[in-house]
PDB file of N, CA and C in Angstrom:
ATOM      1  N   MET A   1      22.716 -16.251 -82.741  1.00  0.00           N
ATOM      2  CA  MET A   1      22.443 -16.414 -81.330  1.00  0.00           C
ATOM      3  C   MET A   1      23.248 -15.373 -80.550  1.00  0.00           C
ATOM      4  N   ALA A   2      22.594 -14.570 -79.780  1.00  0.00           N
ATOM      5  CA  ALA A   2      23.246 -13.526 -79.009  1.00  0.00           C
ATOM      6  C   ALA A   2      23.724 -14.086 -77.668  1.00  0.00           C
ATOM      7  N   THR A   3      24.876 -13.668 -77.269  1.00  0.00           N
ATOM      8  CA  THR A   3      25.375 -14.050 -75.958  1.00  0.00           C
ATOM      9  C   THR A   3      25.456 -12.799 -75.100  1.00  0.00           C
ATOM     10  N   THR A   4      25.350 -12.984 -73.815  1.00  0.00           N
ATOM     11  CA  THR A   4      25.441 -11.848 -72.912  1.00  0.00           C
ATOM     12  C   THR A   4      26.724 -11.947 -72.106  1.00  0.00           C
ATOM     13  N   LEU A   5      27.225 -10.801 -71.731  1.00  0.00           N
ATOM     14  CA  LEU A   5      28.428 -10.759 -70.918  1.00  0.00           C
ATOM     15  C   LEU A   5      28.050 -10.920 -69.455  1.00  0.00           C
ATOM     16  N   ASP A   6      28.928 -11.550 -68.709  1.00  0.00           N
ATOM     17  CA  ASP A   6      28.691 -11.612 -67.276  1.00  0.00           C
ATOM     18  C   ASP A   6      28.898 -10.209 -66.690  1.00  0.00           C
ATOM     19  N   LYS A   7      28.434  -9.983 -65.491  1.00  0.00           N
ATOM     20  CA  LYS A   7      28.463  -8.654 -64.874  1.00  0.00           C
ATOM     21  C   LYS A   7      29.883  -8.101 -64.789  1.00  0.00           C
ATOM     22  N   GLN A   8      30.848  -8.896 -64.370  1.00  0.00           N
ATOM     23  CA  GLN A   8      32.221  -8.414 -64.227  1.00  0.00           C
ATOM     24  C   GLN A   8      32.795  -7.984 -65.573  1.00  0.00           C
ATOM     25  N   THR A   9      32.580  -8.765 -66.604  1.00  0.00           N
ATOM     26  CA  THR A   9      33.077  -8.405 -67.933  1.00  0.00           C
ATOM     27  C   THR A   9      32.399  -7.143 -68.434  1.00  0.00           C
ATOM     28  N   SER A  10      31.115  -7.047 -68.207  1.00  0.00           N
ATOM     29  CA  SER A  10      30.366  -5.856 -68.610  1.00  0.00           C
ATOM     30  C   SER A  10      30.875  -4.610 -67.887  1.00  0.00           C
ATOM     31  N   ASP A  11      31.129  -4.738 -66.583  1.00  0.00           N
ATOM     32  CA  ASP A  11      31.660  -3.614 -65.806  1.00  0.00           C
ATOM     33  C   ASP A  11      33.052  -3.210 -66.287  1.00  0.00           C
ATOM     34  N   LYS A  12      33.865  -4.197 -66.624  1.00  0.00           N
ATOM     35  CA  LYS A  12      35.224  -3.942 -67.113  1.00  0.00           C
ATOM     36  C   LYS A  12      35.185  -3.177 -68.434  1.00  0.00           C
ATOM     37  N   VAL A  13      34.354  -3.645 -69.354  1.00  0.00           N
ATOM     38  CA  VAL A  13      34.221  -2.986 -70.653  1.00  0.00           C
ATOM     39  C   VAL A  13      33.703  -1.558 -70.467  1.00  0.00           C
ATOM     40  N   SER A  14      32.737  -1.390 -69.585  1.00  0.00           N
ATOM     41  CA  SER A  14      32.179  -0.052 -69.321  1.00  0.00           C
ATOM     42  C   SER A  14      33.241   0.889 -68.766  1.00  0.00           C
ATOM     43  N   PHE A  15      34.054   0.398 -67.841  1.00  0.00           N
ATOM     44  CA  PHE A  15      35.089   1.254 -67.269  1.00  0.00           C
ATOM     45  C   PHE A  15      36.128   1.639 -68.312  1.00  0.00           C
ATOM     46  N   ILE A  16      36.573   0.693 -69.103  1.00  0.00           N
ATOM     47  CA  ILE A  16      37.569   0.988 -70.137  1.00  0.00           C
ATOM     48  C   ILE A  16      36.991   1.954 -71.164  1.00  0.00           C
ATOM     49  N   ALA A  17      35.724   1.761 -71.517  1.00  0.00           N
ATOM     50  CA  ALA A  17      35.067   2.670 -72.459  1.00  0.00           C
ATOM     51  C   ALA A  17      34.909   4.072 -71.876  1.00  0.00           C
ATOM     52  N   PHE A  18      34.872   4.177 -70.563  1.00  0.00           N
ATOM     53  CA  PHE A  18      34.804   5.479 -69.897  1.00  0.00           C
ATOM     54  C   PHE A  18      36.182   6.125 -69.794  1.00  0.00           C
ATOM     55  N   ILE A  19      37.184   5.359 -69.390  1.00  0.00           N
ATOM     56  CA  ILE A  19      38.479   5.952 -69.025  1.00  0.00           C
ATOM     57  C   ILE A  19      39.330   6.317 -70.240  1.00  0.00           C
ATOM     58  N   VAL A  20      39.212   5.610 -71.351  1.00  0.00           N
ATOM     59  CA  VAL A  20      40.016   5.939 -72.534  1.00  0.00           C
ATOM     60  C   VAL A  20      39.667   7.340 -73.064  1.00  0.00           C
ATOM     61  N   PRO A  21      38.392   7.689 -73.235  1.00  0.00           N
ATOM     62  CA  PRO A  21      38.088   9.072 -73.650  1.00  0.00           C
ATOM     63  C   PRO A  21      38.509  10.119 -72.612  1.00  0.00           C
ATOM     64  N   GLU A  22      38.415   9.755 -71.341  1.00  0.00           N
ATOM     65  CA  GLU A  22      38.864  10.679 -70.285  1.00  0.00           C
ATOM     66  C   GLU A  22      40.372  10.897 -70.371  1.00  0.00           C
ATOM     67  N   PHE A  23      41.112   9.835 -70.685  1.00  0.00           N
ATOM     68  CA  PHE A  23      42.555   9.941 -70.868  1.00  0.00           C
ATOM     69  C   PHE A  23      42.860  10.858 -72.052  1.00  0.00           C
ATOM     70  N   ALA A  24      42.134  10.661 -73.137  1.00  0.00           N
ATOM     71  CA  ALA A  24      42.323  11.504 -74.332  1.00  0.00           C
ATOM     72  C   ALA A  24      42.071  12.968 -73.994  1.00  0.00           C
ATOM     73  N   LEU A  25      41.008  13.235 -73.278  1.00  0.00           N
ATOM     74  CA  LEU A  25      40.673  14.603 -72.897  1.00  0.00           C
ATOM     75  C   LEU A  25      41.726  15.197 -71.969  1.00  0.00           C
ATOM     76  N   ALA A  26      42.132  14.449 -70.969  1.00  0.00           N
ATOM     77  CA  ALA A  26      43.100  14.939 -69.984  1.00  0.00           C
ATOM     78  C   ALA A  26      44.460  15.255 -70.605  1.00  0.00           C
ATOM     79  N   TYR A  27      44.858  14.458 -71.587  1.00  0.00           N
ATOM     80  CA  TYR A  27      46.181  14.640 -72.185  1.00  0.00           C
ATOM     81  C   TYR A  27      46.117  15.211 -73.598  1.00  0.00           C
ATOM     82  N   LYS A  28      44.975  15.834 -73.904  1.00  0.00           N
ATOM     83  CA  LYS A  28      44.793  16.579 -75.153  1.00  0.00           C
ATOM     84  C   LYS A  28      45.152  15.756 -76.392  1.00  0.00           C
ATOM     85  N   MET A  29      44.539  14.581 -76.469  1.00  0.00           N
ATOM     86  CA  MET A  29      44.719  13.687 -77.610  1.00  0.00           C
ATOM     87  C   MET A  29      43.370  13.453 -78.261  1.00  0.00           C
ATOM     88  N   LYS A  30      43.390  13.060 -79.508  1.00  0.00           N
ATOM     89  CA  LYS A  30      42.184  12.562 -80.152  1.00  0.00           C
ATOM     90  C   LYS A  30      42.009  11.114 -79.708  1.00  0.00           C
ATOM     91  N   MET A  31      40.780  10.637 -79.771  1.00  0.00           N
ATOM     92  CA  MET A  31      40.498   9.272 -79.303  1.00  0.00           C
ATOM     93  C   MET A  31      41.366   8.200 -79.957  1.00  0.00           C
ATOM     94  N   PRO A  32      41.487   8.179 -81.292  1.00  0.00           N
ATOM     95  CA  PRO A  32      42.329   7.136 -81.897  1.00  0.00           C
ATOM     96  C   PRO A  32      43.791   7.233 -81.427  1.00  0.00           C
ATOM     97  N   GLU A  33      44.265   8.458 -81.270  1.00  0.00           N
ATOM     98  CA  GLU A  33      45.642   8.667 -80.805  1.00  0.00           C
ATOM     99  C   GLU A  33      45.811   8.140 -79.379  1.00  0.00           C
ATOM    100  N   ALA A  34      44.836   8.426 -78.523  1.00  0.00           N
ATOM    101  CA  ALA A  34      44.900   7.961 -77.138  1.00  0.00           C
ATOM    102  C   ALA A  34      44.869   6.434 -77.078  1.00  0.00           C
ATOM    103  N   TYR A  35      44.000   5.827 -77.870  1.00  0.00           N
ATOM    104  CA  TYR A  35      43.915   4.379 -77.893  1.00  0.00           C
ATOM    105  C   TYR A  35      45.245   3.760 -78.332  1.00  0.00           C
ATOM    106  N   CYS A  36      45.812   4.282 -79.411  1.00  0.00           N
ATOM    107  CA  CYS A  36      47.100   3.758 -79.910  1.00  0.00           C
ATOM    108  C   CYS A  36      48.214   3.962 -78.895  1.00  0.00           C
ATOM    109  N   TYR A  37      48.213   5.120 -78.260  1.00  0.00           N
ATOM    110  CA  TYR A  37      49.219   5.424 -77.229  1.00  0.00           C
ATOM    111  C   TYR A  37      49.097   4.427 -76.079  1.00  0.00           C
ATOM    112  N   LEU A  38      47.885   4.222 -75.587  1.00  0.00           N
ATOM    113  CA  LEU A  38      47.664   3.287 -74.478  1.00  0.00           C
ATOM    114  C   LEU A  38      48.024   1.862 -74.870  1.00  0.00           C
ATOM    115  N   LYS A  39      47.735   1.494 -76.088  1.00  0.00           N
ATOM    116  CA  LYS A  39      48.081   0.152 -76.565  1.00  0.00           C
ATOM    117  C   LYS A  39      49.600  -0.009 -76.680  1.00  0.00           C
ATOM    118  N   GLN A  40      50.250   0.984 -77.278  1.00  0.00           N
ATOM    119  CA  GLN A  40      51.692   0.905 -77.503  1.00  0.00           C
ATOM    120  C   GLN A  40      52.488   0.876 -76.202  1.00  0.00           C
ATOM    121  N   TYR A  41      52.057   1.644 -75.212  1.00  0.00           N
ATOM    122  CA  TYR A  41      52.829   1.776 -73.972  1.00  0.00           C
ATOM    123  C   TYR A  41      52.229   1.003 -72.806  1.00  0.00           C
ATOM    124  N   LYS A  42      51.472  -0.034 -73.139  1.00  0.00           N
ATOM    125  CA  LYS A  42      50.960  -1.016 -72.185  1.00  0.00           C
ATOM    126  C   LYS A  42      49.908  -0.484 -71.214  1.00  0.00           C
ATOM    127  N   GLY A  43      49.328   0.661 -71.531  1.00  0.00           N
ATOM    128  CA  GLY A  43      48.249   1.193 -70.712  1.00  0.00           C
ATOM    129  C   GLY A  43      46.995   0.336 -70.771  1.00  0.00           C
ATOM    130  N   LEU A  44      46.681  -0.203 -71.952  1.00  0.00           N
ATOM    131  CA  LEU A  44      45.498  -1.057 -72.074  1.00  0.00           C
ATOM    132  C   LEU A  44      45.686  -2.367 -71.311  1.00  0.00           C
ATOM    133  N   ASP A  45      46.900  -2.893 -71.320  1.00  0.00           N
ATOM    134  CA  ASP A  45      47.184  -4.106 -70.543  1.00  0.00           C
ATOM    135  C   ASP A  45      46.975  -3.828 -69.055  1.00  0.00           C
ATOM    136  N   TYR A  46      47.482  -2.676 -68.619  1.00  0.00           N
ATOM    137  CA  TYR A  46      47.334  -2.268 -67.223  1.00  0.00           C
ATOM    138  C   TYR A  46      45.855  -2.093 -66.874  1.00  0.00           C
ATOM    139  N   LEU A  47      45.113  -1.441 -67.740  1.00  0.00           N
ATOM    140  CA  LEU A  47      43.678  -1.268 -67.509  1.00  0.00           C
ATOM    141  C   LEU A  47      42.968  -2.614 -67.405  1.00  0.00           C
ATOM    142  N   SER A  48      43.281  -3.502 -68.312  1.00  0.00           N
ATOM    143  CA  SER A  48      42.635  -4.802 -68.327  1.00  0.00           C
ATOM    144  C   SER A  48      42.924  -5.588 -67.050  1.00  0.00           C
ATOM    145  N   GLU A  49      44.148  -5.496 -66.573  1.00  0.00           N
ATOM    146  CA  GLU A  49      44.548  -6.248 -65.393  1.00  0.00           C
ATOM    147  C   GLU A  49      44.083  -5.605 -64.087  1.00  0.00           C
ATOM    148  N   HIS A  50      44.075  -4.273 -64.025  1.00  0.00           N
ATOM    149  CA  HIS A  50      43.820  -3.585 -62.755  1.00  0.00           C
ATOM    150  C   HIS A  50      42.548  -2.741 -62.747  1.00  0.00           C
ATOM    151  N   TRP A  51      41.652  -2.971 -63.687  1.00  0.00           N
ATOM    152  CA  TRP A  51      40.458  -2.142 -63.800  1.00  0.00           C
ATOM    153  C   TRP A  51      39.653  -2.119 -62.512  1.00  0.00           C
ATOM    154  N   TRP A  52      39.592  -3.235 -61.804  1.00  0.00           N
ATOM    155  CA  TRP A  52      38.770  -3.308 -60.604  1.00  0.00           C
ATOM    156  C   TRP A  52      39.241  -2.299 -59.557  1.00  0.00           C
ATOM    157  N   ALA A  53      40.527  -2.219 -59.324  1.00  0.00           N
ATOM    158  CA  ALA A  53      41.052  -1.257 -58.349  1.00  0.00           C
ATOM    159  C   ALA A  53      40.930   0.170 -58.885  1.00  0.00           C
ATOM    160  N   LEU A  54      41.227   0.358 -60.160  1.00  0.00           N
ATOM    161  CA  LEU A  54      41.193   1.695 -60.753  1.00  0.00           C
ATOM    162  C   LEU A  54      39.791   2.291 -60.764  1.00  0.00           C
ATOM    163  N   HIS A  55      38.784   1.477 -60.972  1.00  0.00           N
ATOM    164  CA  HIS A  55      37.435   2.030 -61.077  1.00  0.00           C
ATOM    165  C   HIS A  55      36.903   2.520 -59.732  1.00  0.00           C
ATOM    166  N   THR A  56      37.547   2.109 -58.642  1.00  0.00           N
ATOM    167  CA  THR A  56      37.123   2.584 -57.325  1.00  0.00           C
ATOM    168  C   THR A  56      37.828   3.874 -56.938  1.00  0.00           C
ATOM    169  N   ASP A  57      38.883   4.222 -57.658  1.00  0.00           N
ATOM    170  CA  ASP A  57      39.645   5.444 -57.398  1.00  0.00           C
ATOM    171  C   ASP A  57      38.943   6.663 -57.975  1.00  0.00           C
ATOM    172  N   ASN A  58      39.352   7.795 -57.502  1.00  0.00           N
ATOM    173  CA  ASN A  58      38.974   9.065 -58.117  1.00  0.00           C
ATOM    174  C   ASN A  58      39.523   9.047 -59.538  1.00  0.00           C
ATOM    175  N   LYS A  59      38.790   9.614 -60.472  1.00  0.00           N
ATOM    176  CA  LYS A  59      39.208   9.625 -61.877  1.00  0.00           C
ATOM    177  C   LYS A  59      40.626  10.194 -62.030  1.00  0.00           C
ATOM    178  N   PHE A  60      40.947  11.241 -61.289  1.00  0.00           N
ATOM    179  CA  PHE A  60      42.267  11.863 -61.364  1.00  0.00           C
ATOM    180  C   PHE A  60      43.369  10.852 -61.059  1.00  0.00           C
ATOM    181  N   TYR A  61      43.199  10.071 -60.013  1.00  0.00           N
ATOM    182  CA  TYR A  61      44.219   9.098 -59.623  1.00  0.00           C
ATOM    183  C   TYR A  61      44.308   7.950 -60.621  1.00  0.00           C
ATOM    184  N   ALA A  62      43.174   7.541 -61.146  1.00  0.00           N
ATOM    185  CA  ALA A  62      43.186   6.476 -62.156  1.00  0.00           C
ATOM    186  C   ALA A  62      43.924   6.943 -63.407  1.00  0.00           C
ATOM    187  N   LEU A  63      43.653   8.172 -63.844  1.00  0.00           N
ATOM    188  CA  LEU A  63      44.337   8.710 -65.030  1.00  0.00           C
ATOM    189  C   LEU A  63      45.824   8.895 -64.769  1.00  0.00           C
ATOM    190  N   ASN A  64      46.171   9.340 -63.576  1.00  0.00           N
ATOM    191  CA  ASN A  64      47.577   9.527 -63.226  1.00  0.00           C
ATOM    192  C   ASN A  64      48.314   8.184 -63.205  1.00  0.00           C
ATOM    193  N   SER A  65      47.686   7.172 -62.650  1.00  0.00           N
ATOM    194  CA  SER A  65      48.290   5.829 -62.641  1.00  0.00           C
ATOM    195  C   SER A  65      48.497   5.322 -64.058  1.00  0.00           C
ATOM    196  N   LEU A  66      47.509   5.523 -64.884  1.00  0.00           N
ATOM    197  CA  LEU A  66      47.590   5.105 -66.280  1.00  0.00           C
ATOM    198  C   LEU A  66      48.712   5.837 -67.007  1.00  0.00           C
ATOM    199  N   TYR A  67      48.809   7.139 -66.779  1.00  0.00           N
ATOM    200  CA  TYR A  67      49.886   7.938 -67.374  1.00  0.00           C
ATOM    201  C   TYR A  67      51.244   7.391 -66.929  1.00  0.00           C
ATOM    202  N   ASN A  68      51.393   7.133 -65.634  1.00  0.00           N
ATOM    203  CA  ASN A  68      52.672   6.656 -65.107  1.00  0.00           C
ATOM    204  C   ASN A  68      53.080   5.313 -65.693  1.00  0.00           C
ATOM    205  N   VAL A  69      52.120   4.421 -65.875  1.00  0.00           N
ATOM    206  CA  VAL A  69      52.424   3.120 -66.495  1.00  0.00           C
ATOM    207  C   VAL A  69      52.947   3.334 -67.913  1.00  0.00           C
ATOM    208  N   CYS A  70      52.260   4.180 -68.662  1.00  0.00           N
ATOM    209  CA  CYS A  70      52.691   4.454 -70.040  1.00  0.00           C
ATOM    210  C   CYS A  70      54.072   5.115 -70.065  1.00  0.00           C
ATOM    211  N   TYR A  71      54.283   6.060 -69.188  1.00  0.00           N
ATOM    212  CA  TYR A  71      55.574   6.748 -69.112  1.00  0.00           C
ATOM    213  C   TYR A  71      56.708   5.763 -68.794  1.00  0.00           C
ATOM    214  N   GLU A  72      56.454   4.857 -67.856  1.00  0.00           N
ATOM    215  CA  GLU A  72      57.466   3.863 -67.480  1.00  0.00           C
ATOM    216  C   GLU A  72      57.751   2.876 -68.610  1.00  0.00           C
ATOM    217  N   ASN A  73      56.828   2.782 -69.553  1.00  0.00           N
ATOM    218  CA  ASN A  73      57.019   1.884 -70.699  1.00  0.00           C
ATOM    219  C   ASN A  73      57.413   2.626 -71.961  1.00  0.00           C
ATOM    220  N   GLY A  74      57.909   3.856 -71.810  1.00  0.00           N
ATOM    221  CA  GLY A  74      58.444   4.587 -72.941  1.00  0.00           C
ATOM    222  C   GLY A  74      57.582   5.690 -73.485  1.00  0.00           C
ATOM    223  N   GLY A  75      56.408   5.887 -72.935  1.00  0.00           N
ATOM    224  CA  GLY A  75      55.527   6.968 -73.384  1.00  0.00           C
ATOM    225  C   GLY A  75      56.145   8.314 -73.062  1.00  0.00           C
ATOM    226  N   LEU A  76      56.082   9.236 -73.986  1.00  0.00           N
ATOM    227  CA  LEU A  76      56.793  10.501 -73.807  1.00  0.00           C
ATOM    228  C   LEU A  76      55.893  11.692 -73.515  1.00  0.00           C
ATOM    229  N   ARG A  77      54.600  11.513 -73.445  1.00  0.00           N
ATOM    230  CA  ARG A  77      53.699  12.652 -73.206  1.00  0.00           C
ATOM    231  C   ARG A  77      53.713  13.044 -71.768  1.00  0.00           C
TER     232      ARG A  77
END
């Protein structure tokens, strides 16, 4: 039996699926490396919690916010 996601969950998943590769590209990482980096330094938690505000921002500002969260949690890139 297939279940469908509600609109908000679908939008959240779509945004995260968009921004993680953009983060990898912006910071010259491979996708698996970017995912692990974001997971380790709480970037994915931040995305999950604040995706609604981030998705309305310019991509540059969303990526910069994500970078800053990771940096504040020990990320060194």
